[in-house]
Structure formats: C-alpha cells, structure tokens
PDB file of N, CA and C in Angstrom:
ATOM      1  N   UNK A   1     -10.059  -1.978 -16.208  1.00  0.00           N
ATOM      2  CA  UNK A   1     -10.120  -0.710 -15.532  1.00  0.00           C
ATOM      3  C   UNK A   1      -9.326  -0.749 -14.223  1.00  0.00           C
ATOM      4  N   UNK A   2      -9.443  -1.885 -13.475  1.00  0.00           N
ATOM      5  CA  UNK A   2      -8.715  -2.007 -12.212  1.00  0.00           C
ATOM      6  C   UNK A   2      -7.214  -1.872 -12.435  1.00  0.00           C
ATOM      7  N   UNK A   3      -6.701  -2.520 -13.497  1.00  0.00           N
ATOM      8  CA  UNK A   3      -5.261  -2.453 -13.761  1.00  0.00           C
ATOM      9  C   UNK A   3      -4.841  -1.017 -14.082  1.00  0.00           C
ATOM     10  N   UNK A   4      -5.672  -0.260 -14.813  1.00  0.00           N
ATOM     11  CA  UNK A   4      -5.351   1.138 -15.115  1.00  0.00           C
ATOM     12  C   UNK A   4      -5.289   1.967 -13.841  1.00  0.00           C
ATOM     13  N   UNK A   5      -6.241   1.724 -12.946  1.00  0.00           N
ATOM     14  CA  UNK A   5      -6.242   2.443 -11.669  1.00  0.00           C
ATOM     15  C   UNK A   5      -5.004   2.063 -10.868  1.00  0.00           C
ATOM     16  N   UNK A   6      -4.657   0.756 -10.865  1.00  0.00           N
ATOM     17  CA  UNK A   6      -3.483   0.303 -10.135  1.00  0.00           C
ATOM     18  C   UNK A   6      -2.214   0.955 -10.689  1.00  0.00           C
ATOM     19  N   UNK A   7      -2.068   0.990 -12.003  1.00  0.00           N
ATOM     20  CA  UNK A   7      -0.873   1.589 -12.612  1.00  0.00           C
ATOM     21  C   UNK A   7      -0.782   3.066 -12.254  1.00  0.00           C
ATOM     22  N   UNK A   8      -1.896   3.779 -12.320  1.00  0.00           N
ATOM     23  CA  UNK A   8      -1.901   5.192 -11.946  1.00  0.00           C
ATOM     24  C   UNK A   8      -1.545   5.358 -10.484  1.00  0.00           C
ATOM     25  N   UNK A   9      -2.159   4.539  -9.634  1.00  0.00           N
ATOM     26  CA  UNK A   9      -1.866   4.599  -8.207  1.00  0.00           C
ATOM     27  C   UNK A   9      -0.405   4.242  -7.940  1.00  0.00           C
ATOM     28  N   UNK A  10       0.114   3.233  -8.640  1.00  0.00           N
ATOM     29  CA  UNK A  10       1.518   2.845  -8.470  1.00  0.00           C
ATOM     30  C   UNK A  10       2.438   4.003  -8.841  1.00  0.00           C
ATOM     31  N   UNK A  11       2.109   4.716  -9.919  1.00  0.00           N
ATOM     32  CA  UNK A  11       2.919   5.859 -10.331  1.00  0.00           C
ATOM     33  C   UNK A  11       2.895   6.947  -9.261  1.00  0.00           C
ATOM     34  N   UNK A  12       1.716   7.246  -8.741  1.00  0.00           N
ATOM     35  CA  UNK A  12       1.606   8.272  -7.706  1.00  0.00           C
ATOM     36  C   UNK A  12       2.336   7.864  -6.436  1.00  0.00           C
ATOM     37  N   UNK A  13       2.173   6.613  -6.036  1.00  0.00           N
ATOM     38  CA  UNK A  13       2.848   6.133  -4.835  1.00  0.00           C
ATOM     39  C   UNK A  13       4.352   6.113  -5.046  1.00  0.00           C
ATOM     40  N   UNK A  14       4.792   5.732  -6.244  1.00  0.00           N
ATOM     41  CA  UNK A  14       6.229   5.655  -6.493  1.00  0.00           C
ATOM     42  C   UNK A  14       6.881   7.028  -6.451  1.00  0.00           C
ATOM     43  N   UNK A  15       6.130   8.081  -6.719  1.00  0.00           N
ATOM     44  CA  UNK A  15       6.702   9.423  -6.612  1.00  0.00           C
ATOM     45  C   UNK A  15       6.948   9.795  -5.156  1.00  0.00           C
ATOM     46  N   UNK A  16       6.134   9.245  -4.262  1.00  0.00           N
ATOM     47  CA  UNK A  16       6.272   9.570  -2.846  1.00  0.00           C
ATOM     48  C   UNK A  16       7.213   8.586  -2.159  1.00  0.00           C
ATOM     49  N   UNK A  17       7.048   7.305  -2.450  1.00  0.00           N
ATOM     50  CA  UNK A  17       7.873   6.261  -1.845  1.00  0.00           C
ATOM     51  C   UNK A  17       8.793   5.698  -2.926  1.00  0.00           C
ATOM     52  N   UNK A  18      10.026   6.183  -2.976  1.00  0.00           N
ATOM     53  CA  UNK A  18      10.920   5.885  -4.082  1.00  0.00           C
ATOM     54  C   UNK A  18      11.358   4.430  -4.153  1.00  0.00           C
ATOM     55  N   UNK A  19      11.521   3.745  -3.051  1.00  0.00           N
ATOM     56  CA  UNK A  19      11.975   2.354  -3.060  1.00  0.00           C
ATOM     57  C   UNK A  19      10.950   1.488  -2.342  1.00  0.00           C
ATOM     58  N   UNK A  20      10.179   0.710  -3.112  1.00  0.00           N
ATOM     59  CA  UNK A  20       9.108  -0.087  -2.528  1.00  0.00           C
ATOM     60  C   UNK A  20       9.018  -1.466  -3.164  1.00  0.00           C
ATOM     61  N   UNK A  21       8.482  -2.410  -2.409  1.00  0.00           N
ATOM     62  CA  UNK A  21       8.060  -3.711  -2.918  1.00  0.00           C
ATOM     63  C   UNK A  21       6.596  -3.863  -2.540  1.00  0.00           C
ATOM     64  N   UNK A  22       5.810  -4.498  -3.391  1.00  0.00           N
ATOM     65  CA  UNK A  22       4.397  -4.681  -3.109  1.00  0.00           C
ATOM     66  C   UNK A  22       3.877  -5.977  -3.702  1.00  0.00           C
ATOM     67  N   UNK A  23       2.640  -6.314  -3.401  1.00  0.00           N
ATOM     68  CA  UNK A  23       1.982  -7.517  -3.908  1.00  0.00           C
ATOM     69  C   UNK A  23       0.816  -7.124  -4.803  1.00  0.00           C
ATOM     70  N   UNK A  24       0.686  -7.812  -5.927  1.00  0.00           N
ATOM     71  CA  UNK A  24      -0.404  -7.563  -6.868  1.00  0.00           C
ATOM     72  C   UNK A  24      -1.052  -8.894  -7.232  1.00  0.00           C
ATOM     73  N   UNK A  25      -2.358  -9.033  -6.955  1.00  0.00           N
ATOM     74  CA  UNK A  25      -3.111 -10.238  -7.288  1.00  0.00           C
ATOM     75  C   UNK A  25      -3.397 -10.246  -8.788  1.00  0.00           C
ATOM     76  N   UNK A  26      -2.955 -11.291  -9.477  1.00  0.00           N
ATOM     77  CA  UNK A  26      -3.197 -11.405 -10.918  1.00  0.00           C
ATOM     78  C   UNK A  26      -4.573 -11.967 -11.241  1.00  0.00           C
ATOM     79  N   UNK A  27      -5.314 -12.413 -10.209  1.00  0.00           N
ATOM     80  CA  UNK A  27      -6.660 -12.925 -10.425  1.00  0.00           C
ATOM     81  C   UNK A  27      -6.707 -14.343 -10.961  1.00  0.00           C
ATOM     82  N   UNK A  28      -5.548 -14.994 -11.100  1.00  0.00           N
ATOM     83  CA  UNK A  28      -5.514 -16.359 -11.620  1.00  0.00           C
ATOM     84  C   UNK A  28      -4.811 -17.322 -10.657  1.00  0.00           C
ATOM     85  N   UNK A  29      -4.721 -16.925  -9.394  1.00  0.00           N
ATOM     86  CA  UNK A  29      -4.044 -17.750  -8.398  1.00  0.00           C
ATOM     87  C   UNK A  29      -2.575 -17.418  -8.228  1.00  0.00           C
ATOM     88  N   UNK A  30      -2.064 -16.539  -9.073  1.00  0.00           N
ATOM     89  CA  UNK A  30      -0.679 -16.097  -8.930  1.00  0.00           C
ATOM     90  C   UNK A  30      -0.664 -14.634  -8.494  1.00  0.00           C
ATOM     91  N   UNK A  31       0.429 -14.245  -7.891  1.00  0.00           N
ATOM     92  CA  UNK A  31       0.617 -12.870  -7.451  1.00  0.00           C
ATOM     93  C   UNK A  31       1.962 -12.383  -7.949  1.00  0.00           C
ATOM     94  N   UNK A  32       2.052 -11.104  -8.257  1.00  0.00           N
ATOM     95  CA  UNK A  32       3.329 -10.494  -8.622  1.00  0.00           C
ATOM     96  C   UNK A  32       3.872  -9.728  -7.435  1.00  0.00           C
ATOM     97  N   UNK A  33       5.176  -9.820  -7.249  1.00  0.00           N
ATOM     98  CA  UNK A  33       5.860  -8.932  -6.321  1.00  0.00           C
ATOM     99  C   UNK A  33       6.371  -7.790  -7.196  1.00  0.00           C
ATOM    100  N   UNK A  34       5.817  -6.612  -6.979  1.00  0.00           N
ATOM    101  CA  UNK A  34       6.174  -5.439  -7.775  1.00  0.00           C
ATOM    102  C   UNK A  34       7.245  -4.631  -7.042  1.00  0.00           C
ATOM    103  N   UNK A  35       7.959  -3.820  -7.806  1.00  0.00           N
ATOM    104  CA  UNK A  35       8.991  -2.989  -7.199  1.00  0.00           C
ATOM    105  C   UNK A  35       9.045  -1.619  -7.859  1.00  0.00           C
ATOM    106  N   UNK A  36       9.513  -0.676  -7.088  1.00  0.00           N
ATOM    107  CA  UNK A  36       9.904   0.638  -7.562  1.00  0.00           C
ATOM    108  C   UNK A  36      11.221   0.936  -6.873  1.00  0.00           C
ATOM    109  N   UNK A  37      12.252   1.254  -7.642  1.00  0.00           N
ATOM    110  CA  UNK A  37      13.564   1.456  -7.046  1.00  0.00           C
ATOM    111  C   UNK A  37      14.337   2.541  -7.789  1.00  0.00           C
ATOM    112  N   UNK A  38      15.002   3.385  -7.027  1.00  0.00           N
ATOM    113  CA  UNK A  38      15.870   4.406  -7.614  1.00  0.00           C
ATOM    114  C   UNK A  38      17.233   3.837  -7.981  1.00  0.00           C
ATOM    115  N   UNK A  39      17.557   2.659  -7.481  1.00  0.00           N
ATOM    116  CA  UNK A  39      18.866   2.051  -7.682  1.00  0.00           C
ATOM    117  C   UNK A  39      18.726   0.651  -8.257  1.00  0.00           C
ATOM    118  N   UNK A  40      19.788   0.171  -8.897  1.00  0.00           N
ATOM    119  CA  UNK A  40      19.819  -1.220  -9.326  1.00  0.00           C
ATOM    120  C   UNK A  40      19.990  -2.099  -8.096  1.00  0.00           C
ATOM    121  N   UNK A  41      19.603  -3.346  -8.218  1.00  0.00           N
ATOM    122  CA  UNK A  41      19.905  -4.262  -7.129  1.00  0.00           C
ATOM    123  C   UNK A  41      20.308  -5.616  -7.683  1.00  0.00           C
ATOM    124  N   UNK A  42      21.189  -6.283  -6.921  1.00  0.00           N
ATOM    125  CA  UNK A  42      21.819  -7.516  -7.381  1.00  0.00           C
ATOM    126  C   UNK A  42      21.321  -8.746  -6.639  1.00  0.00           C
ATOM    127  N   UNK A  43      20.497  -8.549  -5.644  1.00  0.00           N
ATOM    128  CA  UNK A  43      19.961  -9.685  -4.912  1.00  0.00           C
ATOM    129  C   UNK A  43      18.844  -9.261  -3.991  1.00  0.00           C
ATOM    130  N   UNK A  44      18.003 -10.214  -3.625  1.00  0.00           N
ATOM    131  CA  UNK A  44      16.901  -9.915  -2.708  1.00  0.00           C
ATOM    132  C   UNK A  44      16.481 -11.175  -1.970  1.00  0.00           C
ATOM    133  N   UNK A  45      15.860 -10.960  -0.838  1.00  0.00           N
ATOM    134  CA  UNK A  45      15.255 -12.027  -0.050  1.00  0.00           C
ATOM    135  C   UNK A  45      14.090 -11.417   0.710  1.00  0.00           C
ATOM    136  N   UNK A  46      12.975 -12.136   0.762  1.00  0.00           N
ATOM    137  CA  UNK A  46      11.832 -11.673   1.541  1.00  0.00           C
ATOM    138  C   UNK A  46      10.946 -12.849   1.881  1.00  0.00           C
ATOM    139  N   UNK A  47      10.140 -12.675   2.907  1.00  0.00           N
ATOM    140  CA  UNK A  47       9.121 -13.651   3.281  1.00  0.00           C
ATOM    141  C   UNK A  47       7.771 -13.161   2.793  1.00  0.00           C
ATOM    142  N   UNK A  48       6.914 -14.110   2.450  1.00  0.00           N
ATOM    143  CA  UNK A  48       5.524 -13.822   2.109  1.00  0.00           C
ATOM    144  C   UNK A  48       4.692 -14.299   3.293  1.00  0.00           C
ATOM    145  N   UNK A  49       3.893 -13.413   3.844  1.00  0.00           N
ATOM    146  CA  UNK A  49       3.065 -13.737   5.005  1.00  0.00           C
ATOM    147  C   UNK A  49       1.669 -14.176   4.558  1.00  0.00           C
ATOM    148  N   UNK A  50       1.121 -15.184   5.238  1.00  0.00           N
ATOM    149  CA  UNK A  50      -0.272 -15.569   5.041  1.00  0.00           C
ATOM    150  C   UNK A  50      -0.536 -16.635   3.999  1.00  0.00           C
ATOM    151  N   UNK A  51       0.481 -17.116   3.289  1.00  0.00           N
ATOM    152  CA  UNK A  51       0.255 -18.112   2.249  1.00  0.00           C
ATOM    153  C   UNK A  51       1.493 -19.005   2.121  1.00  0.00           C
ATOM    154  N   UNK A  52       1.298 -20.186   1.536  1.00  0.00           N
ATOM    155  CA  UNK A  52       2.387 -21.136   1.328  1.00  0.00           C
ATOM    156  C   UNK A  52       2.825 -21.082  -0.135  1.00  0.00           C
ATOM    157  N   UNK A  53       4.093 -20.792  -0.359  1.00  0.00           N
ATOM    158  CA  UNK A  53       4.650 -20.650  -1.711  1.00  0.00           C
ATOM    159  C   UNK A  53       4.885 -22.022  -2.330  1.00  0.00           C
ATOM    160  N   UNK A  54       4.487 -22.178  -3.598  1.00  0.00           N
ATOM    161  CA  UNK A  54       4.830 -23.394  -4.333  1.00  0.00           C
ATOM    162  C   UNK A  54       5.855 -23.113  -5.423  1.00  0.00           C
ATOM    163  N   UNK A  55       5.932 -21.846  -5.909  1.00  0.00           N
ATOM    164  CA  UNK A  55       6.897 -21.536  -6.965  1.00  0.00           C
ATOM    165  C   UNK A  55       7.109 -20.028  -7.047  1.00  0.00           C
ATOM    166  N   UNK A  56       8.320 -19.651  -7.408  1.00  0.00           N
ATOM    167  CA  UNK A  56       8.673 -18.261  -7.699  1.00  0.00           C
ATOM    168  C   UNK A  56       9.364 -18.267  -9.050  1.00  0.00           C
ATOM    169  N   UNK A  57       8.929 -17.407  -9.960  1.00  0.00           N
ATOM    170  CA  UNK A  57       9.433 -17.469 -11.328  1.00  0.00           C
ATOM    171  C   UNK A  57       9.226 -16.130 -12.038  1.00  0.00           C
ATOM    172  N   UNK A  58       9.889 -15.953 -13.156  1.00  0.00           N
ATOM    173  CA  UNK A  58       9.631 -14.853 -14.075  1.00  0.00           C
ATOM    174  C   UNK A  58       9.989 -13.484 -13.563  1.00  0.00           C
ATOM    175  N   UNK A  59       9.339 -12.492 -14.137  1.00  0.00           N
ATOM    176  CA  UNK A  59       9.559 -11.102 -13.780  1.00  0.00           C
ATOM    177  C   UNK A  59      10.903 -10.579 -14.251  1.00  0.00           C
ATOM    178  N   UNK A  60      11.211  -9.375 -13.805  1.00  0.00           N
ATOM    179  CA  UNK A  60      12.460  -8.733 -14.197  1.00  0.00           C
ATOM    180  C   UNK A  60      13.672  -9.447 -13.614  1.00  0.00           C
ATOM    181  N   UNK A  61      13.492 -10.137 -12.493  1.00  0.00           N
ATOM    182  CA  UNK A  61      14.595 -10.903 -11.908  1.00  0.00           C
ATOM    183  C   UNK A  61      15.010 -12.026 -12.861  1.00  0.00           C
ATOM    184  N   UNK A  62      14.055 -12.768 -13.389  1.00  0.00           N
ATOM    185  CA  UNK A  62      14.369 -13.845 -14.326  1.00  0.00           C
ATOM    186  C   UNK A  62      14.948 -13.275 -15.621  1.00  0.00           C
ATOM    187  N   UNK A  63      14.407 -12.154 -16.082  1.00  0.00           N
ATOM    188  CA  UNK A  63      14.931 -11.522 -17.291  1.00  0.00           C
ATOM    189  C   UNK A  63      16.378 -11.086 -17.129  1.00  0.00           C
ATOM    190  N   UNK A  64      16.755 -10.740 -15.895  1.00  0.00           N
ATOM    191  CA  UNK A  64      18.136 -10.335 -15.613  1.00  0.00           C
ATOM    192  C   UNK A  64      19.048 -11.546 -15.392  1.00  0.00           C
ATOM    193  N   UNK A  65      18.496 -12.749 -15.455  1.00  0.00           N
ATOM    194  CA  UNK A  65      19.289 -13.953 -15.281  1.00  0.00           C
ATOM    195  C   UNK A  65      19.462 -14.389 -13.842  1.00  0.00           C
ATOM    196  N   UNK A  66      18.611 -13.877 -12.956  1.00  0.00           N
ATOM    197  CA  UNK A  66      18.709 -14.249 -11.551  1.00  0.00           C
ATOM    198  C   UNK A  66      18.322 -15.713 -11.344  1.00  0.00           C
ATOM    199  N   UNK A  67      18.992 -16.341 -10.399  1.00  0.00           N
ATOM    200  CA  UNK A  67      18.603 -17.638  -9.904  1.00  0.00           C
ATOM    201  C   UNK A  67      17.526 -17.376  -8.859  1.00  0.00           C
ATOM    202  N   UNK A  68      16.363 -17.990  -9.006  1.00  0.00           N
ATOM    203  CA  UNK A  68      15.251 -17.791  -8.078  1.00  0.00           C
ATOM    204  C   UNK A  68      15.017 -19.069  -7.301  1.00  0.00           C
ATOM    205  N   UNK A  69      14.953 -18.937  -5.981  1.00  0.00           N
ATOM    206  CA  UNK A  69      14.694 -20.077  -5.107  1.00  0.00           C
ATOM    207  C   UNK A  69      13.586 -19.697  -4.134  1.00  0.00           C
ATOM    208  N   UNK A  70      12.803 -20.700  -3.757  1.00  0.00           N
ATOM    209  CA  UNK A  70      11.747 -20.444  -2.775  1.00  0.00           C
ATOM    210  C   UNK A  70      11.527 -21.688  -1.929  1.00  0.00           C
ATOM    211  N   UNK A  71      11.008 -21.448  -0.721  1.00  0.00           N
ATOM    212  CA  UNK A  71      10.513 -22.536   0.105  1.00  0.00           C
ATOM    213  C   UNK A  71       9.098 -22.147   0.514  1.00  0.00           C
ATOM    214  N   UNK A  72       8.570 -22.646   1.595  1.00  0.00           N
ATOM    215  CA  UNK A  72       7.161 -22.417   1.919  1.00  0.00           C
ATOM    216  C   UNK A  72       6.806 -20.957   2.168  1.00  0.00           C
ATOM    217  N   UNK A  73       7.772 -20.128   2.605  1.00  0.00           N
ATOM    218  CA  UNK A  73       7.429 -18.728   2.875  1.00  0.00           C
ATOM    219  C   UNK A  73       8.510 -17.721   2.482  1.00  0.00           C
ATOM    220  N   UNK A  74       9.612 -18.169   1.882  1.00  0.00           N
ATOM    221  CA  UNK A  74      10.725 -17.275   1.562  1.00  0.00           C
ATOM    222  C   UNK A  74      11.079 -17.354   0.085  1.00  0.00           C
ATOM    223  N   UNK A  75      11.407 -16.199  -0.496  1.00  0.00           N
ATOM    224  CA  UNK A  75      11.890 -16.123  -1.875  1.00  0.00           C
ATOM    225  C   UNK A  75      13.257 -15.457  -1.848  1.00  0.00           C
ATOM    226  N   UNK A  76      14.197 -16.046  -2.578  1.00  0.00           N
ATOM    227  CA  UNK A  76      15.548 -15.501  -2.705  1.00  0.00           C
ATOM    228  C   UNK A  76      15.878 -15.410  -4.186  1.00  0.00           C
ATOM    229  N   UNK A  77      16.498 -14.302  -4.590  1.00  0.00           N
ATOM    230  CA  UNK A  77      16.931 -14.138  -5.964  1.00  0.00           C
ATOM    231  C   UNK A  77      18.279 -13.448  -6.024  1.00  0.00           C
ATOM    232  N   UNK A  78      19.168 -13.950  -6.883  1.00  0.00           N
ATOM    233  CA  UNK A  78      20.476 -13.330  -7.076  1.00  0.00           C
ATOM    234  C   UNK A  78      21.053 -13.816  -8.396  1.00  0.00           C
ATOM    235  N   UNK A  79      22.094 -13.159  -8.838  1.00  0.00           N
ATOM    236  CA  UNK A  79      22.741 -13.512 -10.089  1.00  0.00           C
ATOM    237  C   UNK A  79      24.087 -14.163  -9.817  1.00  0.00           C
ATOM    238  N   UNK A  80      24.382 -15.222 -10.528  1.00  0.00           N
ATOM    239  CA  UNK A  80      25.692 -15.875 -10.445  1.00  0.00           C
ATOM    240  C   UNK A  80      26.697 -15.187 -11.367  1.00  0.00           C
ATOM    241  N   UNK A  81      26.213 -14.302 -12.240  1.00  0.00           N
ATOM    242  CA  UNK A  81      27.093 -13.643 -13.213  1.00  0.00           C
ATOM    243  C   UNK A  81      27.304 -12.167 -12.931  1.00  0.00           C
ATOM    244  N   UNK A  82      26.691 -11.644 -11.881  1.00  0.00           N
ATOM    245  CA  UNK A  82      26.851 -10.236 -11.545  1.00  0.00           C
ATOM    246  C   UNK A  82      25.850  -9.308 -12.210  1.00  0.00           C
ATOM    247  N   UNK A  83      24.827  -9.840 -12.871  1.00  0.00           N
ATOM    248  CA  UNK A  83      23.817  -8.972 -13.481  1.00  0.00           C
ATOM    249  C   UNK A  83      22.934  -8.366 -12.391  1.00  0.00           C
ATOM    250  N   UNK A  84      22.239  -7.305 -12.740  1.00  0.00           N
ATOM    251  CA  UNK A  84      21.393  -6.588 -11.786  1.00  0.00           C
ATOM    252  C   UNK A  84      20.017  -6.336 -12.387  1.00  0.00           C
ATOM    253  N   UNK A  85      19.049  -6.108 -11.519  1.00  0.00           N
ATOM    254  CA  UNK A  85      17.741  -5.614 -11.942  1.00  0.00           C
ATOM    255  C   UNK A  85      17.880  -4.101 -12.013  1.00  0.00           C
ATOM    256  N   UNK A  86      17.533  -3.536 -13.152  1.00  0.00           N
ATOM    257  CA  UNK A  86      17.704  -2.097 -13.383  1.00  0.00           C
ATOM    258  C   UNK A  86      16.803  -1.268 -12.476  1.00  0.00           C
ATOM    259  N   UNK A  87      17.239  -0.067 -12.187  1.00  0.00           N
ATOM    260  CA  UNK A  87      16.400   0.886 -11.463  1.00  0.00           C
ATOM    261  C   UNK A  87      15.128   1.127 -12.274  1.00  0.00           C
ATOM    262  N   UNK A  88      14.047   1.429 -11.598  1.00  0.00           N
ATOM    263  CA  UNK A  88      12.770   1.672 -12.264  1.00  0.00           C
ATOM    264  C   UNK A  88      11.657   0.988 -11.519  1.00  0.00           C
ATOM    265  N   UNK A  89      10.659   0.504 -12.267  1.00  0.00           N
ATOM    266  CA  UNK A  89       9.549  -0.193 -11.634  1.00  0.00           C
ATOM    267  C   UNK A  89       9.063  -1.302 -12.546  1.00  0.00           C
ATOM    268  N   UNK A  90       8.423  -2.286 -11.949  1.00  0.00           N
ATOM    269  CA  UNK A  90       7.907  -3.414 -12.720  1.00  0.00           C
ATOM    270  C   UNK A  90       7.576  -4.580 -11.822  1.00  0.00           C
ATOM    271  N   UNK A  91       7.544  -5.764 -12.432  1.00  0.00           N
ATOM    272  CA  UNK A  91       7.320  -6.998 -11.697  1.00  0.00           C
ATOM    273  C   UNK A  91       8.670  -7.633 -11.406  1.00  0.00           C
ATOM    274  N   UNK A  92       8.989  -7.766 -10.139  1.00  0.00           N
ATOM    275  CA  UNK A  92      10.255  -8.380  -9.752  1.00  0.00           C
ATOM    276  C   UNK A  92      10.203  -9.886  -9.985  1.00  0.00           C
ATOM    277  N   UNK A  93       9.147 -10.525  -9.508  1.00  0.00           N
ATOM    278  CA  UNK A  93       8.992 -11.977  -9.613  1.00  0.00           C
ATOM    279  C   UNK A  93       7.512 -12.313  -9.444  1.00  0.00           C
ATOM    280  N   UNK A  94       7.085 -13.419 -10.030  1.00  0.00           N
ATOM    281  CA  UNK A  94       5.719 -13.906  -9.850  1.00  0.00           C
ATOM    282  C   UNK A  94       5.757 -15.085  -8.891  1.00  0.00           C
ATOM    283  N   UNK A  95       4.695 -15.200  -8.095  1.00  0.00           N
ATOM    284  CA  UNK A  95       4.631 -16.235  -7.064  1.00  0.00           C
ATOM    285  C   UNK A  95       3.340 -17.033  -7.229  1.00  0.00           C
ATOM    286  N   UNK A  96       3.461 -18.358  -7.102  1.00  0.00           N
ATOM    287  CA  UNK A  96       2.300 -19.236  -7.081  1.00  0.00           C
ATOM    288  C   UNK A  96       2.218 -19.859  -5.693  1.00  0.00           C
ATOM    289  N   UNK A  97       1.004 -20.028  -5.195  1.00  0.00           N
ATOM    290  CA  UNK A  97       0.798 -20.517  -3.835  1.00  0.00           C
ATOM    291  C   UNK A  97       0.015 -21.819  -3.834  1.00  0.00           C
ATOM    292  N   UNK A  98       0.291 -22.672  -2.828  1.00  0.00           N
ATOM    293  CA  UNK A  98      -0.474 -23.912  -2.682  1.00  0.00           C
ATOM    294  C   UNK A  98      -1.709 -23.682  -1.828  1.00  0.00           C
ATOM    295  N   UNK A  99      -1.640 -22.735  -0.873  1.00  0.00           N
ATOM    296  CA  UNK A  99      -2.818 -22.401  -0.072  1.00  0.00           C
ATOM    297  C   UNK A  99      -2.619 -21.053   0.594  1.00  0.00           C
ATOM    298  N   UNK A 100      -3.728 -20.496   1.035  1.00  0.00           N
ATOM    299  CA  UNK A 100      -3.694 -19.201   1.699  1.00  0.00           C
ATOM    300  C   UNK A 100      -3.719 -18.039   0.712  1.00  0.00           C
ATOM    301  N   UNK A 101      -3.868 -16.857   1.275  1.00  0.00           N
ATOM    302  CA  UNK A 101      -3.853 -15.622   0.497  1.00  0.00           C
ATOM    303  C   UNK A 101      -2.771 -14.736   1.097  1.00  0.00           C
ATOM    304  N   UNK A 102      -1.789 -14.340   0.304  1.00  0.00           N
ATOM    305  CA  UNK A 102      -0.707 -13.516   0.861  1.00  0.00           C
ATOM    306  C   UNK A 102      -1.248 -12.192   1.392  1.00  0.00           C
ATOM    307  N   UNK A 103      -0.753 -11.801   2.563  1.00  0.00           N
ATOM    308  CA  UNK A 103      -1.217 -10.541   3.135  1.00  0.00           C
ATOM    309  C   UNK A 103      -0.077  -9.582   3.453  1.00  0.00           C
ATOM    310  N   UNK A 104       1.113  -9.896   2.978  1.00  0.00           N
ATOM    311  CA  UNK A 104       2.204  -8.955   3.175  1.00  0.00           C
ATOM    312  C   UNK A 104       3.560  -9.567   2.924  1.00  0.00           C
ATOM    313  N   UNK A 105       4.545  -8.695   2.865  1.00  0.00           N
ATOM    314  CA  UNK A 105       5.944  -9.070   2.734  1.00  0.00           C
ATOM    315  C   UNK A 105       6.641  -8.704   4.035  1.00  0.00           C
ATOM    316  N   UNK A 106       7.590  -9.518   4.459  1.00  0.00           N
ATOM    317  CA  UNK A 106       8.338  -9.196   5.663  1.00  0.00           C
ATOM    318  C   UNK A 106       9.786  -9.648   5.510  1.00  0.00           C
ATOM    319  N   UNK A 107      10.615  -9.221   6.451  1.00  0.00           N
ATOM    320  CA  UNK A 107      12.030  -9.564   6.476  1.00  0.00           C
ATOM    321  C   UNK A 107      12.707  -9.314   5.130  1.00  0.00           C
ATOM    322  N   UNK A 108      12.478  -8.120   4.580  1.00  0.00           N
ATOM    323  CA  UNK A 108      13.020  -7.755   3.273  1.00  0.00           C
ATOM    324  C   UNK A 108      14.517  -7.453   3.358  1.00  0.00           C
ATOM    325  N   UNK A 109      15.250  -8.030   2.415  1.00  0.00           N
ATOM    326  CA  UNK A 109      16.668  -7.739   2.244  1.00  0.00           C
ATOM    327  C   UNK A 109      16.889  -7.499   0.768  1.00  0.00           C
ATOM    328  N   UNK A 110      17.466  -6.379   0.420  1.00  0.00           N
ATOM    329  CA  UNK A 110      17.809  -6.060  -0.963  1.00  0.00           C
ATOM    330  C   UNK A 110      19.253  -5.581  -0.952  1.00  0.00           C
ATOM    331  N   UNK A 111      20.055  -6.105  -1.891  1.00  0.00           N
ATOM    332  CA  UNK A 111      21.465  -5.711  -1.896  1.00  0.00           C
ATOM    333  C   UNK A 111      21.886  -5.172  -3.259  1.00  0.00           C
ATOM    334  N   UNK A 112      22.928  -4.343  -3.239  1.00  0.00           N
ATOM    335  CA  UNK A 112      23.495  -3.856  -4.486  1.00  0.00           C
ATOM    336  C   UNK A 112      24.611  -4.805  -4.933  1.00  0.00           C
ATOM    337  N   UNK A 113      25.288  -4.498  -6.029  1.00  0.00           N
ATOM    338  CA  UNK A 113      26.294  -5.401  -6.557  1.00  0.00           C
ATOM    339  C   UNK A 113      27.530  -5.508  -5.669  1.00  0.00           C
ATOM    340  N   UNK A 114      27.691  -4.585  -4.710  1.00  0.00           N
ATOM    341  CA  UNK A 114      28.794  -4.664  -3.754  1.00  0.00           C
ATOM    342  C   UNK A 114      28.398  -5.453  -2.504  1.00  0.00           C
ATOM    343  N   UNK A 115      27.150  -5.931  -2.458  1.00  0.00           N
ATOM    344  CA  UNK A 115      26.676  -6.692  -1.315  1.00  0.00           C
ATOM    345  C   UNK A 115      26.163  -5.838  -0.160  1.00  0.00           C
ATOM    346  N   UNK A 116      26.071  -4.542  -0.382  1.00  0.00           N
ATOM    347  CA  UNK A 116      25.589  -3.643   0.680  1.00  0.00           C
ATOM    348  C   UNK A 116      24.079  -3.589   0.692  1.00  0.00           C
TER     349      UNK A 116
END
C-alpha cells in the first residue's frame, strides 16, 4: 500500500515539479535515487547527506550503459559511449550504505549530451 501511495504522490509531485531527484527507502538497507525529468541527461553527480555510501549500482543509469562510481558520499554517473537516460521518471540508481540513514541529496549536477 505504501508503494502505491508513493507512486501516486510521485505522479502528483512530478506534475508540479518537472525536474526532480529524490530518495526512496527500499526497506532492505538500500535506497533508490528516483528522478523525474522533462529532458534526457548524459551525466550526473550528487552527494548523499547523512550516510556513508558503500555501492551505487543499477537503475536506469546502468540500463543506459552508464559508468557508475561512488565514494563515501558522492555518486557520479556518465556514459563513455554517448548514451543518455531518457526523459521520464524512474529509478536513476540504487545505493547501498555502510552506516547512517540518508537524509538528503546535495551538490546536484546533471548534464545533457552537450555537457551543459
């Protein structure tokens, strides 16, 4: 039921806030970084506040062939072949943490295929 409410809320929020990134607790120690975007994007970088990252993997970024890298608080994703994450909404990447509970995203950078 919670996931249904979240999906409905995400749809309503996405109508108001066209380009967003958010955090979703999967309940198993991993979190998804979700996105809603009117445009494709070819790269991203952001910090996760409040927790220590052990891995970043999967999501639409991995499906698009992005190289995903992370350190204790930063995630970077980009394509070496020029592929992009399509406009729309979904899970950008999943994150696993060694400790802490993430409480936000900061220092967000998202670029298009021209690097803008």
